[in-house]
Amino acid sequence: MRALIAAAAALGLLMAAPVLAQEKVRPTTDAQIDYEGFRGLAVEVDGYRAERLITLADFQRMAREPNTIILDARSADAYAQGHIDGAINLPFTDFTDQSLRAALRDPTARILIYCNNNFSNNQQPVVLKRLELALNIQTFINLYGYGYRNVYELGDIVDFNDPAVGWVRG
């Protein structure tokens, strides 16, 4: 009986071996996700971004100049509820080489960005994100990583009810 149990166990292991081997060679995201590369990009962008934080007055002045785009990377729904006048919308989750090229056209254009954490209101459509996860950070890093280097970020916290902001309600 013991021999029969041992034989059955051995057969079970032999049959399981191909399954175990398959599990070992399962593809991982390593080929398509480069966390170390992202960390390196974030470090590279750190000093660059710090020099490109601008006041609301500079943001509004630059927005009126030729070859300047105001990019709102919030969701399409949040953008539809309200945004800075003249902004185009490309949700951050839709960033790809192709979508950025279609929306921004000229890779040398000046791009002005803002997000929820630029507003003191903390109500729809600009509910605050956790500080370390503010979309401004990911948007800036991604634009830089996709090759857009003429990016400036609103560095002020403003009230969207302030007429100087130029807020358009949806």
Protein backbone atom coordinates (compact mmCIF):
# COMPACT_ATOMS: atom_id res chain seq x y z
CA MET A 1 0.00 0.00 0.00
CA ARG A 2 2.84 2.35 0.87
CA ALA A 3 4.43 1.65 -2.47
CA LEU A 4 1.15 2.53 -4.21
CA ILE A 5 0.86 5.81 -2.30
CA ALA A 6 4.50 6.65 -3.06
CA ALA A 7 3.96 5.88 -6.74
CA ALA A 8 0.85 8.04 -6.85
CA ALA A 9 2.68 10.89 -5.12
CA ALA A 10 5.58 10.61 -7.56
CA LEU A 11 3.17 10.58 -10.49
CA GLY A 12 1.44 13.65 -9.07
CA LEU A 13 4.77 15.48 -8.83
CA LEU A 14 5.69 14.48 -12.36
CA MET A 15 2.35 15.75 -13.63
CA ALA A 16 2.71 18.97 -11.64
CA ALA A 17 6.25 19.64 -12.88
CA PRO A 18 5.12 21.18 -16.20
CA VAL A 19 2.67 23.40 -14.32
CA LEU A 20 5.40 24.54 -11.92
CA ALA A 21 7.74 25.16 -14.85
CA GLN A 22 5.06 27.24 -16.58
CA GLU A 23 4.61 29.35 -13.46
CA LYS A 24 8.32 30.09 -13.37
CA VAL A 25 8.37 31.39 -16.95
CA ARG A 26 5.22 33.46 -16.72
CA PRO A 27 5.83 36.88 -18.20
CA THR A 28 6.15 39.79 -15.80
CA THR A 29 5.66 43.50 -16.28
CA ASP A 30 9.43 44.06 -16.09
CA ALA A 31 9.52 44.27 -19.89
CA GLN A 32 6.90 47.02 -19.95
CA ILE A 33 7.22 48.84 -16.61
CA ASP A 34 10.48 50.48 -15.57
CA TYR A 35 10.12 51.69 -11.98
CA GLU A 36 13.84 52.43 -11.67
CA GLY A 37 13.63 54.47 -14.87
CA PHE A 38 10.70 56.41 -13.43
CA ARG A 39 12.61 57.09 -10.24
CA GLY A 40 15.57 58.34 -12.27
CA LEU A 41 13.29 60.55 -14.35
CA ALA A 42 11.71 61.98 -11.18
CA VAL A 43 15.16 62.87 -9.81
CA GLU A 44 16.12 64.45 -13.14
CA VAL A 45 12.93 66.53 -13.22
CA ASP A 46 13.23 67.69 -9.60
CA GLY A 47 15.46 70.71 -10.10
CA TYR A 48 14.04 71.50 -13.52
CA ARG A 49 10.47 71.66 -12.19
CA ALA A 50 11.49 73.85 -9.24
CA GLU A 51 12.64 76.53 -11.71
CA ARG A 52 9.36 76.38 -13.65
CA LEU A 53 6.82 77.09 -10.92
CA ILE A 54 5.15 80.38 -11.79
CA THR A 55 2.76 82.85 -10.21
CA LEU A 56 -0.82 83.28 -11.37
CA ALA A 57 0.13 86.62 -12.92
CA ASP A 58 2.91 85.00 -14.96
CA PHE A 59 0.63 82.07 -15.83
CA GLN A 60 -2.04 84.45 -17.18
CA ARG A 61 0.53 86.60 -19.03
CA MET A 62 2.18 83.57 -20.64
CA ALA A 63 -1.22 82.11 -21.58
CA ARG A 64 -1.86 85.12 -23.81
CA GLU A 65 1.43 84.70 -25.70
CA PRO A 66 1.68 82.82 -29.02
CA ASN A 67 2.51 79.11 -29.12
CA THR A 68 1.28 78.56 -25.55
CA ILE A 69 -1.12 75.83 -24.46
CA ILE A 70 -2.89 75.57 -21.11
CA LEU A 71 -3.20 71.85 -20.40
CA ASP A 72 -5.74 70.53 -17.93
CA ALA A 73 -4.85 66.90 -17.22
CA ARG A 74 -7.80 66.24 -14.90
CA SER A 75 -10.58 63.87 -15.91
CA ALA A 76 -12.88 64.89 -18.74
CA ASP A 77 -15.73 65.06 -16.23
CA ALA A 78 -13.84 67.43 -13.90
CA TYR A 79 -12.81 69.58 -16.88
CA ALA A 80 -16.42 69.75 -18.08
CA GLN A 81 -17.50 70.97 -14.61
CA GLY A 82 -14.99 73.82 -14.70
CA HIS A 83 -11.53 74.81 -15.90
CA ILE A 84 -9.26 77.78 -16.51
CA ASP A 85 -10.36 79.71 -19.58
CA GLY A 86 -8.53 78.61 -22.72
CA ALA A 87 -7.38 75.25 -21.31
CA ILE A 88 -7.51 72.12 -23.40
CA ASN A 89 -8.19 68.79 -21.75
CA LEU A 90 -6.16 65.62 -22.07
CA PRO A 91 -6.71 63.44 -19.01
CA PHE A 92 -3.46 62.21 -17.47
CA THR A 93 -4.65 58.62 -17.82
CA ASP A 94 -4.78 59.13 -21.60
CA PHE A 95 -1.17 60.31 -22.00
CA THR A 96 0.61 58.41 -24.78
CA ASP A 97 3.04 59.56 -27.45
CA GLN A 98 0.17 59.70 -29.93
CA SER A 99 -2.40 61.47 -27.74
CA LEU A 100 0.10 64.10 -26.60
CA ARG A 101 1.23 64.73 -30.17
CA ALA A 102 -2.40 65.11 -31.30
CA ALA A 103 -3.35 67.45 -28.43
CA LEU A 104 -0.17 69.53 -28.18
CA ARG A 105 1.02 69.32 -31.80
CA ASP A 106 4.22 71.34 -31.48
CA PRO A 107 6.70 69.70 -29.07
CA THR A 108 8.38 73.08 -28.53
CA ALA A 109 5.14 74.86 -27.57
CA ARG A 110 5.00 76.34 -24.09
CA ILE A 111 2.72 74.22 -21.92
CA LEU A 112 1.14 75.63 -18.79
CA ILE A 113 -0.27 73.13 -16.30
CA TYR A 114 -2.41 73.29 -13.18
CA CYS A 115 -4.43 70.79 -11.19
CA ASN A 116 -6.74 70.34 -8.20
CA ASN A 117 -4.12 71.22 -5.61
CA ASN A 118 -3.71 74.70 -7.09
CA PHE A 119 -7.14 75.64 -5.75
CA SER A 120 -8.08 76.56 -2.20
CA ASN A 121 -11.74 75.68 -2.74
CA ASN A 122 -11.45 71.89 -2.11
CA GLN A 123 -14.83 71.25 -3.69
CA GLN A 124 -16.03 69.87 -7.00
CA PRO A 125 -14.50 69.99 -9.51
CA VAL A 126 -11.19 70.58 -7.71
CA VAL A 127 -11.16 68.32 -4.67
CA LEU A 128 -7.69 68.20 -3.15
CA LYS A 129 -5.48 65.19 -3.74
CA ARG A 130 -3.04 63.90 -1.14
CA LEU A 131 -0.08 66.27 -1.23
CA GLU A 132 2.46 63.66 -2.33
CA LEU A 133 0.07 62.45 -5.05
CA ALA A 134 -0.98 65.81 -6.50
CA LEU A 135 -1.49 65.37 -10.22
CA ASN A 136 0.80 68.33 -10.95
CA ILE A 137 3.77 66.09 -10.09
CA GLN A 138 2.86 63.18 -12.37
CA THR A 139 1.79 65.51 -15.16
CA PHE A 140 5.07 67.43 -15.11
CA ILE A 141 7.20 64.27 -14.94
CA ASN A 142 5.26 62.63 -17.74
CA LEU A 143 5.35 65.63 -20.06
CA TYR A 144 9.10 65.90 -19.48
CA GLY A 145 9.53 62.16 -20.02
CA TYR A 146 7.61 62.32 -23.30
CA GLY A 147 9.99 65.04 -24.48
CA TYR A 148 8.00 68.20 -23.71
CA ARG A 149 10.53 70.44 -22.02
CA ASN A 150 8.86 73.84 -22.29
CA VAL A 151 6.50 73.16 -19.37
CA TYR A 152 5.55 75.60 -16.64
CA GLU A 153 3.39 74.86 -13.62
CA LEU A 154 1.11 77.17 -11.70
CA GLY A 155 2.88 77.53 -8.37
CA ASP A 156 0.19 79.51 -6.55
CA ILE A 157 -2.86 78.35 -4.64
CA VAL A 158 -5.86 80.31 -5.90
CA ASP A 159 -9.61 80.52 -5.44
CA PHE A 160 -11.45 79.62 -8.63
CA ASN A 161 -14.04 82.29 -7.74
CA ASP A 162 -11.35 84.99 -8.09
CA PRO A 163 -11.98 86.70 -11.46
CA ALA A 164 -8.21 86.86 -12.04
CA VAL A 165 -8.16 83.05 -12.36
CA GLY A 166 -10.46 83.10 -15.40
CA TRP A 167 -12.45 80.06 -14.26
CA VAL A 168 -15.05 78.79 -16.72
CA ARG A 169 -17.91 76.88 -15.09
CA GLY A 170 -19.37 73.91 -16.91
